[in-house]
Amino acid sequence: MKFIADSTVSEKINEWLIKKKHDVITSRDDQNNMIEQALREDRIIISNDPTYGEKMTALKGDKPGIILIAIEMEKHRAIIEQIEELLQLDPPPLEKNYVVVVAPGMNRIMKL
């Protein structure tokens, strides 16, 4: 899978995804540019910034898939376990127009 992580995402999480053979790039662009890049390159956004949820609901048309991390970034192991569980679903609910909130002990999946 292809991901684009913003600056709120820990390097440990990015490194873990790369180790699992995923294509991960990081970006310090603003949300609008990241959303455009994610759509253009068919990438899933990973962020710890809750304002992405608001931004996605306001957008018209296709929206990139997004993983919103609602766990403290210092808890790398918990985040990785939740994302790993998500990626094992068949198929993972990470296509366009879906947002997944990775929260303590659960993943919430919502269609936008």
C-alpha atoms as a PDB file:
ATOM      1  CA  MET A   1       0.000   0.000   0.000  1.00  0.00           C
ATOM      2  CA  LYS A   2       1.029   3.590  -0.533  1.00  0.00           C
ATOM      3  CA  PHE A   3       0.952   6.081   2.333  1.00  0.00           C
ATOM      4  CA  ILE A   4       1.705   9.752   2.869  1.00  0.00           C
ATOM      5  CA  ALA A   5       2.410  10.675   6.493  1.00  0.00           C
ATOM      6  CA  ASP A   6       2.355  14.204   7.793  1.00  0.00           C
ATOM      7  CA  SER A   7       4.756  15.669  10.332  1.00  0.00           C
ATOM      8  CA  THR A   8       2.589  14.569  13.288  1.00  0.00           C
ATOM      9  CA  VAL A   9       3.376  10.896  12.625  1.00  0.00           C
ATOM     10  CA  SER A  10       6.311   9.326  14.435  1.00  0.00           C
ATOM     11  CA  GLU A  11       9.261   8.146  12.351  1.00  0.00           C
ATOM     12  CA  LYS A  12       8.997   4.795  14.184  1.00  0.00           C
ATOM     13  CA  ILE A  13       5.592   4.229  12.613  1.00  0.00           C
ATOM     14  CA  ASN A  14       6.840   5.234   9.156  1.00  0.00           C
ATOM     15  CA  GLU A  15       9.869   2.947   9.523  1.00  0.00           C
ATOM     16  CA  TRP A  16       7.641   0.047  10.597  1.00  0.00           C
ATOM     17  CA  LEU A  17       5.419   0.498   7.529  1.00  0.00           C
ATOM     18  CA  ILE A  18       8.472   0.597   5.260  1.00  0.00           C
ATOM     19  CA  LYS A  19       9.834  -2.554   6.926  1.00  0.00           C
ATOM     20  CA  LYS A  20       6.473  -4.190   6.087  1.00  0.00           C
ATOM     21  CA  LYS A  21       7.134  -3.313   2.410  1.00  0.00           C
ATOM     22  CA  HIS A  22       4.721  -0.389   2.155  1.00  0.00           C
ATOM     23  CA  ASP A  23       5.548   2.702   0.107  1.00  0.00           C
ATOM     24  CA  VAL A  24       5.704   5.588   2.596  1.00  0.00           C
ATOM     25  CA  ILE A  25       6.553   9.204   1.983  1.00  0.00           C
ATOM     26  CA  THR A  26       6.469  12.023   4.502  1.00  0.00           C
ATOM     27  CA  SER A  27       5.236  15.517   3.841  1.00  0.00           C
ATOM     28  CA  ARG A  28       5.364  18.834   5.600  1.00  0.00           C
ATOM     29  CA  ASP A  29       2.889  20.376   3.127  1.00  0.00           C
ATOM     30  CA  ASP A  30      -0.382  21.879   4.255  1.00  0.00           C
ATOM     31  CA  GLN A  31      -3.508  19.708   4.320  1.00  0.00           C
ATOM     32  CA  ASN A  32      -4.804  20.848   0.924  1.00  0.00           C
ATOM     33  CA  ASN A  33      -1.543  19.940  -0.831  1.00  0.00           C
ATOM     34  CA  MET A  34      -1.325  16.591   0.977  1.00  0.00           C
ATOM     35  CA  ILE A  35      -4.896  15.720   0.031  1.00  0.00           C
ATOM     36  CA  GLU A  36      -4.224  16.601  -3.616  1.00  0.00           C
ATOM     37  CA  GLN A  37      -1.006  14.555  -3.621  1.00  0.00           C
ATOM     38  CA  ALA A  38      -2.727  11.589  -1.961  1.00  0.00           C
ATOM     39  CA  LEU A  39      -5.471  11.609  -4.605  1.00  0.00           C
ATOM     40  CA  ARG A  40      -3.019  12.090  -7.482  1.00  0.00           C
ATOM     41  CA  GLU A  41      -0.692   9.277  -6.303  1.00  0.00           C
ATOM     42  CA  ASP A  42      -3.410   7.016  -4.844  1.00  0.00           C
ATOM     43  CA  ARG A  43      -1.941   7.245  -1.324  1.00  0.00           C
ATOM     44  CA  ILE A  44      -3.549   6.905   2.092  1.00  0.00           C
ATOM     45  CA  ILE A  45      -2.955   9.805   4.471  1.00  0.00           C
ATOM     46  CA  ILE A  46      -1.700   9.031   7.980  1.00  0.00           C
ATOM     47  CA  SER A  47      -1.984  11.796  10.554  1.00  0.00           C
ATOM     48  CA  ASN A  48      -2.428  12.554  14.226  1.00  0.00           C
ATOM     49  CA  ASP A  49      -4.174  15.840  13.340  1.00  0.00           C
ATOM     50  CA  PRO A  50      -7.919  15.607  14.075  1.00  0.00           C
ATOM     51  CA  THR A  51      -8.695  18.557  11.791  1.00  0.00           C
ATOM     52  CA  TYR A  52      -8.280  16.230   8.796  1.00  0.00           C
ATOM     53  CA  GLY A  53     -11.653  14.685   9.657  1.00  0.00           C
ATOM     54  CA  GLU A  54     -13.348  18.073   9.416  1.00  0.00           C
ATOM     55  CA  LYS A  55     -11.485  18.870   6.210  1.00  0.00           C
ATOM     56  CA  MET A  56     -12.514  15.564   4.591  1.00  0.00           C
ATOM     57  CA  THR A  57     -16.209  15.962   5.383  1.00  0.00           C
ATOM     58  CA  ALA A  58     -16.179  19.439   3.814  1.00  0.00           C
ATOM     59  CA  LEU A  59     -14.566  18.252   0.552  1.00  0.00           C
ATOM     60  CA  LYS A  60     -16.703  17.534  -2.496  1.00  0.00           C
ATOM     61  CA  GLY A  61     -16.002  14.538  -4.730  1.00  0.00           C
ATOM     62  CA  ASP A  62     -13.431  11.837  -4.108  1.00  0.00           C
ATOM     63  CA  LYS A  63     -11.433  11.982  -0.921  1.00  0.00           C
ATOM     64  CA  PRO A  64      -8.286   9.991  -0.157  1.00  0.00           C
ATOM     65  CA  GLY A  65      -8.414   7.275   2.452  1.00  0.00           C
ATOM     66  CA  ILE A  66      -7.081   8.465   5.790  1.00  0.00           C
ATOM     67  CA  ILE A  67      -5.858   6.912   9.017  1.00  0.00           C
ATOM     68  CA  LEU A  68      -6.334   9.299  11.931  1.00  0.00           C
ATOM     69  CA  ILE A  69      -4.292   8.276  14.945  1.00  0.00           C
ATOM     70  CA  ALA A  70      -6.109   9.043  18.199  1.00  0.00           C
ATOM     71  CA  ILE A  71      -3.440   7.550  20.454  1.00  0.00           C
ATOM     72  CA  GLU A  72      -0.553   9.493  21.975  1.00  0.00           C
ATOM     73  CA  MET A  73       2.359   9.337  19.530  1.00  0.00           C
ATOM     74  CA  GLU A  74       4.689   8.134  22.299  1.00  0.00           C
ATOM     75  CA  LYS A  75       2.739   4.856  22.413  1.00  0.00           C
ATOM     76  CA  HIS A  76       4.324   3.487  19.229  1.00  0.00           C
ATOM     77  CA  ARG A  77       3.672  -0.184  19.993  1.00  0.00           C
ATOM     78  CA  ALA A  78      -0.069   0.414  20.550  1.00  0.00           C
ATOM     79  CA  ILE A  79      -0.367   2.404  17.322  1.00  0.00           C
ATOM     80  CA  ILE A  80       1.535  -0.208  15.321  1.00  0.00           C
ATOM     81  CA  GLU A  81      -0.628  -3.021  16.726  1.00  0.00           C
ATOM     82  CA  GLN A  82      -3.816  -1.156  15.772  1.00  0.00           C
ATOM     83  CA  ILE A  83      -2.572  -0.378  12.250  1.00  0.00           C
ATOM     84  CA  GLU A  84      -1.379  -3.956  11.807  1.00  0.00           C
ATOM     85  CA  GLU A  85      -4.837  -5.233  12.772  1.00  0.00           C
ATOM     86  CA  LEU A  86      -6.356  -2.839  10.258  1.00  0.00           C
ATOM     87  CA  LEU A  87      -4.038  -3.951   7.442  1.00  0.00           C
ATOM     88  CA  GLN A  88      -4.924  -7.618   8.057  1.00  0.00           C
ATOM     89  CA  LEU A  89      -8.583  -7.050   7.192  1.00  0.00           C
ATOM     90  CA  ASP A  90      -9.519  -8.425   3.787  1.00  0.00           C
ATOM     91  CA  PRO A  91      -9.648  -6.002   2.090  1.00  0.00           C
ATOM     92  CA  PRO A  92      -8.367  -3.256   4.361  1.00  0.00           C
ATOM     93  CA  PRO A  93     -10.965  -0.431   4.509  1.00  0.00           C
ATOM     94  CA  LEU A  94      -8.501   2.159   3.284  1.00  0.00           C
ATOM     95  CA  GLU A  95      -9.875   3.009  -0.105  1.00  0.00           C
ATOM     96  CA  LYS A  96     -10.953   6.462  -1.152  1.00  0.00           C
ATOM     97  CA  ASN A  97     -13.728   8.077   0.853  1.00  0.00           C
ATOM     98  CA  TYR A  98     -12.967   6.151   4.063  1.00  0.00           C
ATOM     99  CA  VAL A  99     -11.536   7.414   7.319  1.00  0.00           C
ATOM    100  CA  VAL A 100     -10.208   5.062   9.971  1.00  0.00           C
ATOM    101  CA  VAL A 101      -9.698   6.366  13.483  1.00  0.00           C
ATOM    102  CA  VAL A 102      -7.046   4.346  15.285  1.00  0.00           C
ATOM    103  CA  ALA A 103      -8.001   4.670  18.961  1.00  0.00           C
ATOM    104  CA  PRO A 104      -6.946   2.810  22.106  1.00  0.00           C
ATOM    105  CA  GLY A 105      -8.090  -0.798  21.713  1.00  0.00           C
ATOM    106  CA  MET A 106     -10.177  -0.232  18.580  1.00  0.00           C
ATOM    107  CA  ASN A 107     -10.332   1.011  15.015  1.00  0.00           C
ATOM    108  CA  ARG A 108     -13.376   3.028  13.960  1.00  0.00           C
ATOM    109  CA  ILE A 109     -14.112   2.843  10.235  1.00  0.00           C
ATOM    110  CA  MET A 110     -16.326   5.465   8.613  1.00  0.00           C
ATOM    111  CA  LYS A 111     -17.343   6.092   5.029  1.00  0.00           C
ATOM    112  CA  LEU A 112     -17.350   9.773   4.117  1.00  0.00           C
END
